[in-house]
Amino acid sequence: MKRLWCLRLFMPVGLAGEMGFGRWYHAQKAGVQIAVAAGILVMAGGVAAGVVAIVDAELARPGAQASTPAPAPALTTQASALVTSSPPAAAASAPPPATGTITGPRDGATNVFKNEQLRVSGTAQNIPAGYRLDVFLQFAGHKRYYAAAGNPDVAAPLINGHWSATVLVGEAKPIILWLVFLSPAEVNLTNDELAYQSAGYPTLPGAPLASVSFTANASP
């Protein structure tokens, strides 16, 4: 047996006279349709509850609250360690420069004579391996350099920081003595130039280390 549902509408007393039954009926019908459309039918003295109450009820539900964005996941990888390069290794120190002195005869000596086999001596340090010391005599004002007598390969051998050589004083003139050190190539060059060994070299061979000046006397 089917049940028939009937919606009875009661007209409040006093409204029939003011609105008339037709106007009152249509107003109630519209209110009922609004309430039904919203999902809730509430009759309170013939007036339907508004949609606003429904919306407020929905917002009050826990599930209806706005979701908070999840925080961004933290980085799981550690930041790369700062890479620092070691300072470049210090360049190898340059070898100390060669040095040398002439200790005899002294500068300005007056006891040197013509045709004397003059012994010249001094000190030297930091002479590279393969290099040789030598002594050259120059007459002041002349561009000729005469090598010391003796073995041209070891004209002034260096022993324990000291060297010595012998040079011929051919004239009674102002003289300059030069102490030089020669590279292996310069040693070979001076040995091969036989004409210059007697006539003198037009330029000073090697690198000068020290010099002294004096005047040779004519006779003792």
N, C-alpha and C. Protein backbone atom coordinates (compact mmCIF):
# COMPACT_ATOMS: atom_id res chain seq x y z
N MET A 1 0.85 -1.18 0.00
CA MET A 1 0.00 0.00 0.00
C MET A 1 0.88 1.23 0.00
N LYS A 2 0.70 2.07 -0.91
CA LYS A 2 1.51 3.29 -1.04
C LYS A 2 1.03 4.34 -0.07
N ARG A 3 2.04 5.00 0.49
CA ARG A 3 1.72 6.12 1.37
C ARG A 3 1.84 7.42 0.61
N LEU A 4 0.91 8.27 0.84
CA LEU A 4 0.91 9.57 0.19
C LEU A 4 1.32 10.59 1.21
N TRP A 5 2.38 11.28 0.86
CA TRP A 5 2.87 12.36 1.74
C TRP A 5 2.22 13.65 1.32
N CYS A 6 1.78 14.34 2.29
CA CYS A 6 1.07 15.58 2.02
C CYS A 6 1.67 16.68 2.85
N LEU A 7 1.96 17.74 2.19
CA LEU A 7 2.52 18.92 2.84
C LEU A 7 1.39 19.89 3.09
N ARG A 8 1.17 20.06 4.39
CA ARG A 8 0.07 20.97 4.73
C ARG A 8 0.64 22.32 5.07
N LEU A 9 0.06 23.27 4.49
CA LEU A 9 0.49 24.65 4.70
C LEU A 9 -0.56 25.34 5.56
N PHE A 10 -0.09 25.92 6.66
CA PHE A 10 -1.00 26.64 7.54
C PHE A 10 -0.77 28.10 7.38
N MET A 11 -1.86 28.75 7.20
CA MET A 11 -1.82 30.18 7.02
C MET A 11 -2.01 30.84 8.37
N PRO A 12 -1.01 31.61 8.80
CA PRO A 12 -1.16 32.27 10.10
C PRO A 12 -2.36 33.18 10.10
N VAL A 13 -2.92 33.23 11.28
CA VAL A 13 -4.12 34.06 11.43
C VAL A 13 -3.76 35.52 11.26
N GLY A 14 -4.55 36.20 10.51
CA GLY A 14 -4.33 37.64 10.31
C GLY A 14 -3.72 37.95 8.98
N LEU A 15 -2.93 37.00 8.42
CA LEU A 15 -2.28 37.28 7.13
C LEU A 15 -3.28 37.13 5.99
N ALA A 16 -4.33 36.31 6.17
CA ALA A 16 -5.25 36.09 5.06
C ALA A 16 -5.95 37.37 4.68
N GLY A 17 -6.23 38.14 5.70
CA GLY A 17 -6.93 39.36 5.39
C GLY A 17 -6.06 40.38 4.73
N GLU A 18 -4.77 40.42 5.09
CA GLU A 18 -3.86 41.44 4.57
C GLU A 18 -3.31 41.08 3.19
N MET A 19 -2.98 39.77 2.97
CA MET A 19 -2.34 39.38 1.71
C MET A 19 -3.30 38.70 0.76
N GLY A 20 -4.30 38.06 1.31
CA GLY A 20 -5.11 37.24 0.46
C GLY A 20 -4.51 35.86 0.35
N PHE A 21 -5.33 34.90 0.21
CA PHE A 21 -4.84 33.52 0.20
C PHE A 21 -3.92 33.25 -0.97
N GLY A 22 -4.17 33.77 -2.13
CA GLY A 22 -3.33 33.47 -3.31
C GLY A 22 -1.93 33.98 -3.15
N ARG A 23 -1.79 35.24 -2.72
CA ARG A 23 -0.46 35.81 -2.55
C ARG A 23 0.29 35.10 -1.46
N TRP A 24 -0.42 34.78 -0.38
CA TRP A 24 0.22 34.06 0.72
C TRP A 24 0.66 32.69 0.28
N TYR A 25 -0.15 32.02 -0.54
CA TYR A 25 0.19 30.67 -1.02
C TYR A 25 1.46 30.72 -1.87
N HIS A 26 1.51 31.64 -2.78
CA HIS A 26 2.70 31.70 -3.68
C HIS A 26 3.96 32.05 -2.89
N ALA A 27 3.85 32.90 -1.90
CA ALA A 27 5.03 33.24 -1.10
C ALA A 27 5.53 32.04 -0.34
N GLN A 28 4.62 31.26 0.25
CA GLN A 28 5.03 30.06 0.96
C GLN A 28 5.60 29.02 0.03
N LYS A 29 5.00 28.91 -1.19
CA LYS A 29 5.50 27.95 -2.16
C LYS A 29 6.93 28.26 -2.54
N ALA A 30 7.22 29.54 -2.77
CA ALA A 30 8.59 29.94 -3.14
C ALA A 30 9.56 29.64 -2.02
N GLY A 31 9.14 29.89 -0.77
CA GLY A 31 10.03 29.60 0.37
C GLY A 31 10.30 28.13 0.48
N VAL A 32 9.29 27.31 0.26
CA VAL A 32 9.47 25.86 0.34
C VAL A 32 10.43 25.40 -0.74
N GLN A 33 10.32 25.91 -1.95
CA GLN A 33 11.22 25.50 -3.05
C GLN A 33 12.68 25.86 -2.72
N ILE A 34 12.90 27.01 -2.13
CA ILE A 34 14.27 27.42 -1.78
C ILE A 34 14.84 26.46 -0.74
N ALA A 35 14.03 26.14 0.25
CA ALA A 35 14.52 25.26 1.31
C ALA A 35 14.80 23.88 0.79
N VAL A 36 13.90 23.35 -0.08
CA VAL A 36 14.10 22.01 -0.64
C VAL A 36 15.35 21.99 -1.49
N ALA A 37 15.56 23.02 -2.30
CA ALA A 37 16.76 23.08 -3.15
C ALA A 37 18.00 23.08 -2.31
N ALA A 38 17.99 23.65 -1.13
CA ALA A 38 19.18 23.69 -0.28
C ALA A 38 19.36 22.41 0.49
N GLY A 39 18.44 21.51 0.48
CA GLY A 39 18.58 20.22 1.14
C GLY A 39 17.96 20.15 2.50
N ILE A 40 17.35 21.22 3.02
CA ILE A 40 16.78 21.23 4.37
C ILE A 40 15.42 21.96 4.32
N LEU A 41 14.41 21.37 4.90
CA LEU A 41 13.11 22.01 4.96
C LEU A 41 12.81 22.31 6.42
N VAL A 42 12.73 23.57 6.69
CA VAL A 42 12.43 23.98 8.07
C VAL A 42 11.23 24.90 8.02
N MET A 43 10.24 24.52 8.75
CA MET A 43 9.02 25.35 8.81
C MET A 43 8.94 25.95 10.21
N ALA A 44 9.08 27.23 10.28
CA ALA A 44 8.96 27.93 11.56
C ALA A 44 7.94 29.04 11.38
N GLY A 45 6.74 28.77 11.80
CA GLY A 45 5.66 29.75 11.61
C GLY A 45 5.42 30.02 10.15
N GLY A 46 5.73 28.98 9.26
CA GLY A 46 5.50 29.12 7.83
C GLY A 46 6.61 29.80 7.09
N VAL A 47 7.76 30.06 7.74
CA VAL A 47 8.88 30.74 7.06
C VAL A 47 10.03 29.77 6.92
N ALA A 48 10.62 29.64 5.72
CA ALA A 48 11.74 28.71 5.45
C ALA A 48 13.04 29.35 5.88
N ALA A 49 13.89 28.52 6.49
CA ALA A 49 15.23 29.03 6.86
C ALA A 49 16.04 29.33 5.62
N GLY A 50 16.89 30.31 5.72
CA GLY A 50 17.66 30.78 4.55
C GLY A 50 18.82 29.86 4.20
N VAL A 51 19.32 30.08 3.00
CA VAL A 51 20.45 29.29 2.50
C VAL A 51 21.71 29.62 3.27
N VAL A 52 21.77 30.83 3.87
CA VAL A 52 22.98 31.25 4.58
C VAL A 52 23.27 30.33 5.71
N ALA A 53 22.22 29.87 6.44
CA ALA A 53 22.43 28.96 7.56
C ALA A 53 23.03 27.67 7.08
N ILE A 54 22.61 27.21 5.91
CA ILE A 54 23.15 25.96 5.34
C ILE A 54 24.61 26.11 5.02
N VAL A 55 24.95 27.23 4.41
CA VAL A 55 26.35 27.46 4.04
C VAL A 55 27.22 27.53 5.27
N ASP A 56 26.73 28.25 6.34
CA ASP A 56 27.50 28.35 7.57
C ASP A 56 27.70 26.99 8.20
N ALA A 57 26.65 26.14 8.12
CA ALA A 57 26.77 24.80 8.70
C ALA A 57 27.81 23.99 7.97
N GLU A 58 27.85 24.13 6.66
CA GLU A 58 28.84 23.39 5.86
C GLU A 58 30.25 23.84 6.20
N LEU A 59 30.48 25.16 6.36
CA LEU A 59 31.81 25.66 6.68
C LEU A 59 32.26 25.23 8.05
N ALA A 60 31.28 25.00 8.96
CA ALA A 60 31.65 24.61 10.32
C ALA A 60 32.11 23.18 10.40
N ARG A 61 31.79 22.35 9.42
CA ARG A 61 32.21 20.95 9.44
C ARG A 61 33.72 20.86 9.37
N PRO A 62 34.35 19.93 10.12
CA PRO A 62 35.83 19.81 10.11
C PRO A 62 36.37 19.56 8.73
N GLY A 63 35.69 18.73 7.95
CA GLY A 63 36.21 18.40 6.63
C GLY A 63 36.12 19.52 5.65
N ALA A 64 35.32 20.57 5.99
CA ALA A 64 35.14 21.65 5.04
C ALA A 64 36.17 22.73 5.18
N GLN A 65 37.06 22.66 6.19
CA GLN A 65 38.06 23.71 6.37
C GLN A 65 39.08 23.65 5.25
N ALA A 66 39.55 24.84 4.91
CA ALA A 66 40.54 24.92 3.82
C ALA A 66 41.80 24.18 4.23
N SER A 67 42.31 23.40 3.34
CA SER A 67 43.53 22.63 3.62
C SER A 67 44.75 23.54 3.55
N THR A 68 45.66 23.32 4.52
CA THR A 68 46.91 24.10 4.56
C THR A 68 47.94 23.44 3.67
N PRO A 69 48.58 24.20 2.77
CA PRO A 69 49.57 23.58 1.88
C PRO A 69 50.67 22.92 2.71
N ALA A 70 51.01 21.73 2.29
CA ALA A 70 52.08 21.01 3.00
C ALA A 70 53.40 21.74 2.79
N PRO A 71 54.21 21.81 3.84
CA PRO A 71 55.51 22.49 3.67
C PRO A 71 56.39 21.76 2.66
N ALA A 72 57.20 22.55 1.98
CA ALA A 72 58.10 21.95 0.98
C ALA A 72 59.06 21.01 1.67
N PRO A 73 59.31 19.84 1.09
CA PRO A 73 60.23 18.88 1.73
C PRO A 73 61.61 19.49 1.85
N ALA A 74 62.23 19.22 2.99
CA ALA A 74 63.58 19.74 3.21
C ALA A 74 64.57 18.98 2.34
N LEU A 75 65.59 19.67 1.95
CA LEU A 75 66.63 19.03 1.14
C LEU A 75 67.31 17.95 1.96
N THR A 76 67.41 16.78 1.36
CA THR A 76 68.04 15.66 2.07
C THR A 76 69.52 15.58 1.80
N THR A 77 69.94 16.25 0.75
CA THR A 77 71.37 16.20 0.43
C THR A 77 72.06 17.37 1.07
N GLN A 78 73.20 17.15 1.64
CA GLN A 78 73.96 18.21 2.26
C GLN A 78 74.60 19.09 1.20
N ALA A 79 74.74 20.36 1.57
CA ALA A 79 75.38 21.28 0.64
C ALA A 79 76.81 20.83 0.40
N SER A 80 77.21 20.98 -0.82
CA SER A 80 78.57 20.58 -1.17
C SER A 80 79.57 21.37 -0.35
N ALA A 81 80.55 20.67 0.12
CA ALA A 81 81.60 21.34 0.90
C ALA A 81 82.36 22.29 0.01
N LEU A 82 82.74 23.39 0.58
CA LEU A 82 83.50 24.38 -0.18
C LEU A 82 84.84 23.79 -0.56
N VAL A 83 85.11 23.81 -1.84
CA VAL A 83 86.38 23.25 -2.33
C VAL A 83 87.40 24.36 -2.40
N THR A 84 88.47 24.16 -1.71
CA THR A 84 89.54 25.15 -1.73
C THR A 84 90.79 24.49 -2.26
N SER A 85 91.45 25.18 -3.14
CA SER A 85 92.68 24.64 -3.71
C SER A 85 93.86 25.09 -2.87
N SER A 86 94.78 24.19 -2.76
CA SER A 86 95.99 24.52 -2.02
C SER A 86 96.78 25.56 -2.78
N PRO A 87 97.42 26.46 -2.06
CA PRO A 87 98.24 27.45 -2.77
C PRO A 87 99.32 26.76 -3.58
N PRO A 88 99.61 27.30 -4.74
CA PRO A 88 100.65 26.66 -5.56
C PRO A 88 101.94 26.56 -4.80
N ALA A 89 102.60 25.46 -5.06
CA ALA A 89 103.89 25.26 -4.39
C ALA A 89 104.84 26.38 -4.77
N ALA A 90 105.57 26.81 -3.79
CA ALA A 90 106.52 27.90 -4.04
C ALA A 90 107.53 27.46 -5.08
N ALA A 91 107.76 28.36 -6.01
CA ALA A 91 108.73 28.05 -7.05
C ALA A 91 110.09 27.81 -6.42
N ALA A 92 110.82 26.91 -7.07
CA ALA A 92 112.15 26.61 -6.55
C ALA A 92 112.97 27.89 -6.48
N SER A 93 113.64 28.05 -5.38
CA SER A 93 114.44 29.26 -5.19
C SER A 93 115.57 29.29 -6.20
N ALA A 94 115.77 30.47 -6.75
CA ALA A 94 116.87 30.63 -7.70
C ALA A 94 118.19 30.48 -6.97
N PRO A 95 119.17 29.87 -7.61
CA PRO A 95 120.46 29.71 -6.94
C PRO A 95 121.06 31.07 -6.64
N PRO A 96 121.78 31.17 -5.54
CA PRO A 96 122.41 32.45 -5.20
C PRO A 96 123.41 32.86 -6.26
N PRO A 97 123.57 34.14 -6.49
CA PRO A 97 124.48 34.59 -7.54
C PRO A 97 125.93 34.30 -7.17
N ALA A 98 126.73 34.09 -8.20
CA ALA A 98 128.16 33.88 -7.99
C ALA A 98 128.80 35.20 -7.54
N THR A 99 129.71 35.10 -6.61
CA THR A 99 130.41 36.27 -6.10
C THR A 99 131.91 35.97 -6.05
N GLY A 100 132.71 37.03 -6.11
CA GLY A 100 134.15 36.83 -6.04
C GLY A 100 134.87 38.12 -5.67
N THR A 101 136.06 38.00 -5.15
CA THR A 101 136.88 39.16 -4.77
C THR A 101 138.31 38.94 -5.22
N ILE A 102 139.01 40.03 -5.36
CA ILE A 102 140.46 40.00 -5.57
C ILE A 102 141.10 40.59 -4.31
N THR A 103 141.83 39.80 -3.61
CA THR A 103 142.45 40.27 -2.36
C THR A 103 143.92 40.66 -2.54
N GLY A 104 144.52 40.24 -3.63
CA GLY A 104 145.92 40.63 -3.88
C GLY A 104 146.23 40.47 -5.37
N PRO A 105 146.88 41.49 -5.96
CA PRO A 105 147.26 42.74 -5.28
C PRO A 105 146.03 43.59 -4.95
N ARG A 106 146.18 44.45 -4.03
CA ARG A 106 145.08 45.30 -3.62
C ARG A 106 144.90 46.43 -4.63
N ASP A 107 143.74 47.04 -4.55
CA ASP A 107 143.45 48.16 -5.46
C ASP A 107 144.39 49.33 -5.14
N GLY A 108 145.08 49.87 -6.18
CA GLY A 108 146.03 50.98 -6.00
C GLY A 108 147.42 50.53 -5.58
N ALA A 109 147.72 49.25 -5.74
CA ALA A 109 149.04 48.76 -5.32
C ALA A 109 150.15 49.48 -6.07
N THR A 110 151.27 49.62 -5.39
CA THR A 110 152.43 50.32 -5.97
C THR A 110 153.66 49.42 -6.10
N ASN A 111 153.51 48.17 -5.72
CA ASN A 111 154.65 47.25 -5.75
C ASN A 111 154.58 46.24 -6.88
N VAL A 112 153.99 46.64 -8.00
CA VAL A 112 153.90 45.78 -9.18
C VAL A 112 154.83 46.36 -10.24
N PHE A 113 155.60 45.47 -10.94
CA PHE A 113 156.61 45.96 -11.89
C PHE A 113 156.43 45.29 -13.25
N LYS A 114 157.05 45.96 -14.23
CA LYS A 114 157.04 45.48 -15.61
C LYS A 114 157.73 44.12 -15.69
N ASN A 115 157.22 43.23 -16.53
CA ASN A 115 157.73 41.89 -16.79
C ASN A 115 157.64 40.96 -15.57
N GLU A 116 156.84 41.33 -14.65
CA GLU A 116 156.66 40.49 -13.45
C GLU A 116 155.58 39.44 -13.70
N GLN A 117 155.84 38.21 -13.20
CA GLN A 117 154.80 37.17 -13.17
C GLN A 117 154.02 37.41 -11.87
N LEU A 118 152.97 38.13 -12.02
CA LEU A 118 152.22 38.60 -10.85
C LEU A 118 151.24 37.53 -10.38
N ARG A 119 151.36 37.22 -9.12
CA ARG A 119 150.41 36.26 -8.55
C ARG A 119 149.19 37.04 -8.06
N VAL A 120 148.05 36.61 -8.54
CA VAL A 120 146.76 37.24 -8.19
C VAL A 120 145.94 36.21 -7.43
N SER A 121 145.27 36.65 -6.37
CA SER A 121 144.50 35.70 -5.55
C SER A 121 143.24 36.37 -5.02
N GLY A 122 142.36 35.55 -4.52
CA GLY A 122 141.11 36.08 -3.96
C GLY A 122 140.19 34.96 -3.51
N THR A 123 138.91 35.29 -3.40
CA THR A 123 137.89 34.33 -2.95
C THR A 123 136.73 34.32 -3.94
N ALA A 124 135.94 33.26 -3.90
CA ALA A 124 134.75 33.16 -4.75
C ALA A 124 133.76 32.20 -4.11
N GLN A 125 132.50 32.42 -4.39
CA GLN A 125 131.44 31.57 -3.85
C GLN A 125 130.36 31.38 -4.91
N ASN A 126 129.64 30.28 -4.75
CA ASN A 126 128.46 29.98 -5.59
C ASN A 126 128.80 29.90 -7.07
N ILE A 127 129.92 29.33 -7.38
CA ILE A 127 130.29 29.13 -8.78
C ILE A 127 129.59 27.86 -9.26
N PRO A 128 128.74 27.94 -10.28
CA PRO A 128 128.01 26.75 -10.74
C PRO A 128 128.95 25.65 -11.22
N ALA A 129 128.48 24.43 -11.11
CA ALA A 129 129.27 23.30 -11.58
C ALA A 129 129.53 23.44 -13.08
N GLY A 130 130.77 23.16 -13.47
CA GLY A 130 131.14 23.27 -14.89
C GLY A 130 131.67 24.63 -15.27
N TYR A 131 131.49 25.64 -14.41
CA TYR A 131 132.01 26.98 -14.69
C TYR A 131 133.45 27.07 -14.16
N ARG A 132 134.22 28.02 -14.72
CA ARG A 132 135.62 28.19 -14.35
C ARG A 132 135.91 29.65 -14.08
N LEU A 133 136.84 29.87 -13.14
CA LEU A 133 137.33 31.23 -12.86
C LEU A 133 138.54 31.51 -13.74
N ASP A 134 138.68 32.77 -14.11
CA ASP A 134 139.86 33.18 -14.88
C ASP A 134 140.17 34.64 -14.57
N VAL A 135 141.39 35.06 -14.84
CA VAL A 135 141.84 36.43 -14.60
C VAL A 135 142.34 37.00 -15.92
N PHE A 136 141.92 38.23 -16.21
CA PHE A 136 142.34 38.92 -17.43
C PHE A 136 142.96 40.26 -17.04
N LEU A 137 144.02 40.59 -17.76
CA LEU A 137 144.72 41.87 -17.55
C LEU A 137 144.37 42.80 -18.69
N GLN A 138 144.04 44.03 -18.35
CA GLN A 138 143.74 45.07 -19.35
C GLN A 138 144.60 46.29 -19.05
N PHE A 139 145.25 46.80 -20.07
CA PHE A 139 145.96 48.07 -19.92
C PHE A 139 144.94 49.19 -20.08
N ALA A 140 144.97 50.09 -19.12
CA ALA A 140 143.96 51.14 -19.09
C ALA A 140 143.94 51.90 -20.41
N GLY A 141 142.75 52.13 -20.96
CA GLY A 141 142.59 52.86 -22.21
C GLY A 141 142.68 51.97 -23.43
N HIS A 142 142.92 50.68 -23.29
CA HIS A 142 143.01 49.74 -24.42
C HIS A 142 141.94 48.65 -24.29
N LYS A 143 141.30 48.35 -25.39
CA LYS A 143 140.24 47.34 -25.40
C LYS A 143 140.82 45.98 -25.76
N ARG A 144 141.79 45.55 -24.96
CA ARG A 144 142.35 44.22 -25.12
C ARG A 144 142.48 43.58 -23.75
N TYR A 145 142.16 42.28 -23.71
CA TYR A 145 142.13 41.58 -22.43
C TYR A 145 143.01 40.34 -22.56
N TYR A 146 144.02 40.26 -21.70
CA TYR A 146 145.01 39.18 -21.77
C TYR A 146 144.74 38.18 -20.66
N ALA A 147 144.68 36.93 -21.06
CA ALA A 147 144.35 35.88 -20.10
C ALA A 147 145.54 35.56 -19.21
N ALA A 148 145.24 35.07 -18.02
CA ALA A 148 146.30 34.66 -17.08
C ALA A 148 147.05 33.48 -17.66
N ALA A 149 148.31 33.38 -17.28
CA ALA A 149 149.13 32.26 -17.73
C ALA A 149 148.69 30.98 -17.04
N GLY A 150 149.13 29.85 -17.60
CA GLY A 150 148.79 28.58 -16.98
C GLY A 150 147.80 27.80 -17.83
N ASN A 151 147.26 26.75 -17.25
CA ASN A 151 146.32 25.89 -17.95
C ASN A 151 145.02 26.65 -18.19
N PRO A 152 144.64 26.86 -19.45
CA PRO A 152 143.43 27.65 -19.70
C PRO A 152 142.16 27.01 -19.18
N ASP A 153 142.16 25.68 -18.99
CA ASP A 153 140.97 25.00 -18.46
C ASP A 153 140.78 25.30 -16.97
N VAL A 154 141.84 25.51 -16.26
CA VAL A 154 141.78 25.80 -14.82
C VAL A 154 142.75 26.94 -14.52
N ALA A 155 142.53 28.08 -15.20
CA ALA A 155 143.47 29.21 -15.02
C ALA A 155 143.50 29.70 -13.58
N ALA A 156 142.34 29.67 -12.91
CA ALA A 156 142.28 30.11 -11.52
C ALA A 156 141.46 29.10 -10.75
N PRO A 157 142.06 27.94 -10.41
CA PRO A 157 141.30 26.88 -9.72
C PRO A 157 140.78 27.36 -8.37
N LEU A 158 139.53 26.97 -8.10
CA LEU A 158 138.87 27.36 -6.85
C LEU A 158 138.97 26.21 -5.86
N ILE A 159 139.62 26.44 -4.72
CA ILE A 159 139.80 25.41 -3.71
C ILE A 159 139.35 25.98 -2.37
N ASN A 160 138.32 25.36 -1.81
CA ASN A 160 137.80 25.78 -0.50
C ASN A 160 137.49 27.29 -0.46
N GLY A 161 136.92 27.77 -1.55
CA GLY A 161 136.51 29.17 -1.58
C GLY A 161 137.62 30.14 -1.91
N HIS A 162 138.82 29.65 -2.20
CA HIS A 162 139.95 30.52 -2.54
C HIS A 162 140.49 30.12 -3.91
N TRP A 163 140.96 31.08 -4.64
CA TRP A 163 141.54 30.85 -5.95
C TRP A 163 142.84 31.65 -6.07
N SER A 164 143.64 31.29 -7.05
CA SER A 164 144.87 32.03 -7.36
C SER A 164 145.25 31.78 -8.81
N ALA A 165 145.95 32.72 -9.39
CA ALA A 165 146.40 32.62 -10.78
C ALA A 165 147.65 33.49 -10.96
N THR A 166 148.34 33.30 -12.10
CA THR A 166 149.54 34.09 -12.40
C THR A 166 149.32 34.81 -13.72
N VAL A 167 149.66 36.10 -13.78
CA VAL A 167 149.48 36.89 -14.98
C VAL A 167 150.77 37.67 -15.25
N LEU A 168 151.13 37.78 -16.53
CA LEU A 168 152.34 38.49 -16.91
C LEU A 168 152.04 39.97 -17.08
N VAL A 169 152.84 40.83 -16.40
CA VAL A 169 152.72 42.28 -16.53
C VAL A 169 153.72 42.69 -17.61
N GLY A 170 153.22 42.92 -18.83
CA GLY A 170 154.13 43.16 -19.95
C GLY A 170 154.61 44.59 -20.06
N GLU A 171 153.93 45.55 -19.47
CA GLU A 171 154.34 46.95 -19.62
C GLU A 171 154.16 47.71 -18.32
N ALA A 172 154.89 48.80 -18.22
CA ALA A 172 154.77 49.70 -17.05
C ALA A 172 153.68 50.72 -17.35
N LYS A 173 152.47 50.32 -17.13
CA LYS A 173 151.31 51.17 -17.42
C LYS A 173 150.23 50.96 -16.37
N PRO A 174 149.25 51.86 -16.35
CA PRO A 174 148.09 51.60 -15.50
C PRO A 174 147.39 50.31 -15.95
N ILE A 175 147.04 49.49 -15.01
CA ILE A 175 146.50 48.15 -15.31
C ILE A 175 145.19 47.93 -14.54
N ILE A 176 144.31 47.17 -15.17
CA ILE A 176 143.07 46.71 -14.52
C ILE A 176 143.09 45.19 -14.57
N LEU A 177 142.92 44.56 -13.44
CA LEU A 177 142.78 43.11 -13.38
C LEU A 177 141.31 42.74 -13.18
N TRP A 178 140.86 41.79 -13.97
CA TRP A 178 139.46 41.35 -13.93
C TRP A 178 139.37 39.89 -13.49
N LEU A 179 138.52 39.65 -12.51
CA LEU A 179 138.17 38.26 -12.16
C LEU A 179 136.83 37.96 -12.80
N VAL A 180 136.76 36.89 -13.62
CA VAL A 180 135.51 36.52 -14.32
C VAL A 180 135.23 35.04 -14.08
N PHE A 181 134.00 34.66 -14.31
CA PHE A 181 133.70 33.22 -14.35
C PHE A 181 133.10 32.91 -15.70
N LEU A 182 133.54 31.76 -16.25
CA LEU A 182 133.23 31.37 -17.62
C LEU A 182 132.33 30.13 -17.63
N SER A 183 131.34 30.13 -18.50
CA SER A 183 130.51 28.94 -18.71
C SER A 183 131.33 27.90 -19.48
N PRO A 184 130.90 26.65 -19.50
CA PRO A 184 131.63 25.64 -20.28
C PRO A 184 131.82 26.06 -21.73
N ALA A 185 130.79 26.67 -22.34
CA ALA A 185 130.94 27.10 -23.74
C ALA A 185 131.97 28.20 -23.87
N GLU A 186 132.02 29.13 -22.90
CA GLU A 186 133.00 30.22 -22.95
C GLU A 186 134.42 29.71 -22.69
N VAL A 187 134.54 28.68 -21.84
CA VAL A 187 135.86 28.07 -21.63
C VAL A 187 136.38 27.49 -22.95
N ASN A 188 135.50 26.77 -23.66
CA ASN A 188 135.92 26.20 -24.94
C ASN A 188 136.27 27.29 -25.94
N LEU A 189 135.52 28.40 -25.91
CA LEU A 189 135.78 29.48 -26.86
C LEU A 189 137.14 30.12 -26.61
N THR A 190 137.43 30.40 -25.37
CA THR A 190 138.73 31.03 -25.07
C THR A 190 139.89 30.08 -25.36
N ASN A 191 139.69 28.80 -25.18
CA ASN A 191 140.75 27.83 -25.47
C ASN A 191 141.00 27.68 -26.96
N ASP A 192 139.95 27.82 -27.76
CA ASP A 192 140.08 27.61 -29.20
C ASP A 192 140.63 28.83 -29.94
N GLU A 193 140.48 30.00 -29.39
CA GLU A 193 140.94 31.23 -30.07
C GLU A 193 142.41 31.49 -29.70
N LEU A 194 143.28 30.74 -30.34
CA LEU A 194 144.70 30.80 -30.02
C LEU A 194 145.29 32.17 -30.29
N ALA A 195 144.85 32.84 -31.35
CA ALA A 195 145.42 34.15 -31.69
C ALA A 195 145.14 35.16 -30.59
N TYR A 196 143.98 35.08 -29.98
CA TYR A 196 143.63 36.03 -28.92
C TYR A 196 144.39 35.77 -27.63
N GLN A 197 144.87 34.56 -27.48
CA GLN A 197 145.59 34.25 -26.24
C GLN A 197 146.88 35.06 -26.13
N SER A 198 147.47 35.39 -27.27
CA SER A 198 148.70 36.19 -27.25
C SER A 198 148.44 37.66 -27.57
N ALA A 199 147.48 37.94 -28.44
CA ALA A 199 147.19 39.31 -28.85
C ALA A 199 146.13 39.98 -27.97
N GLY A 200 145.48 39.20 -27.16
CA GLY A 200 144.44 39.76 -26.31
C GLY A 200 143.05 39.62 -26.95
N TYR A 201 142.05 39.44 -26.11
CA TYR A 201 140.67 39.30 -26.58
C TYR A 201 140.05 40.69 -26.75
N PRO A 202 139.29 40.88 -27.84
CA PRO A 202 138.71 42.22 -28.08
C PRO A 202 137.60 42.58 -27.08
N THR A 203 137.00 41.60 -26.49
CA THR A 203 135.98 41.84 -25.44
C THR A 203 136.31 40.95 -24.25
N LEU A 204 135.83 41.36 -23.10
CA LEU A 204 136.09 40.61 -21.88
C LEU A 204 135.24 39.34 -21.87
N PRO A 205 135.88 38.17 -21.89
CA PRO A 205 135.10 36.93 -21.87
C PRO A 205 134.43 36.73 -20.51
N GLY A 206 133.35 35.98 -20.51
CA GLY A 206 132.69 35.61 -19.28
C GLY A 206 131.98 36.75 -18.59
N ALA A 207 131.64 36.52 -17.32
CA ALA A 207 130.92 37.49 -16.50
C ALA A 207 131.86 38.01 -15.42
N PRO A 208 132.07 39.33 -15.33
CA PRO A 208 132.99 39.87 -14.33
C PRO A 208 132.45 39.75 -12.91
N LEU A 209 133.34 39.40 -11.98
CA LEU A 209 133.00 39.31 -10.57
C LEU A 209 133.65 40.40 -9.74
N ALA A 210 134.88 40.81 -10.11
CA ALA A 210 135.61 41.81 -9.33
C ALA A 210 136.74 42.36 -10.20
N SER A 211 137.26 43.50 -9.77
CA SER A 211 138.39 44.11 -10.49
C SER A 211 139.19 44.98 -9.53
N VAL A 212 140.45 45.17 -9.84
CA VAL A 212 141.33 46.10 -9.11
C VAL A 212 142.16 46.85 -10.13
N SER A 213 142.56 48.05 -9.75
CA SER A 213 143.37 48.90 -10.64
C SER A 213 144.65 49.34 -9.91
N PHE A 214 145.73 49.42 -10.64
CA PHE A 214 147.00 49.90 -10.11
C PHE A 214 147.90 50.25 -11.29
N THR A 215 149.06 50.79 -10.99
CA THR A 215 150.00 51.15 -12.04
C THR A 215 151.30 50.34 -11.84
N ALA A 216 151.71 49.67 -12.94
CA ALA A 216 152.95 48.90 -12.86
C ALA A 216 154.14 49.83 -13.00
N ASN A 217 155.19 49.56 -12.20
CA ASN A 217 156.41 50.35 -12.28
C ASN A 217 157.36 49.78 -13.33
N ALA A 218 158.27 50.64 -13.82
CA ALA A 218 159.21 50.21 -14.85
C ALA A 218 160.25 49.24 -14.29
N SER A 219 160.73 49.48 -13.05
CA SER A 219 161.74 48.60 -12.49
C SER A 219 161.62 48.63 -10.98
N PRO A 220 162.14 47.59 -10.29
CA PRO A 220 162.07 47.56 -8.82
C PRO A 220 162.89 48.68 -8.23
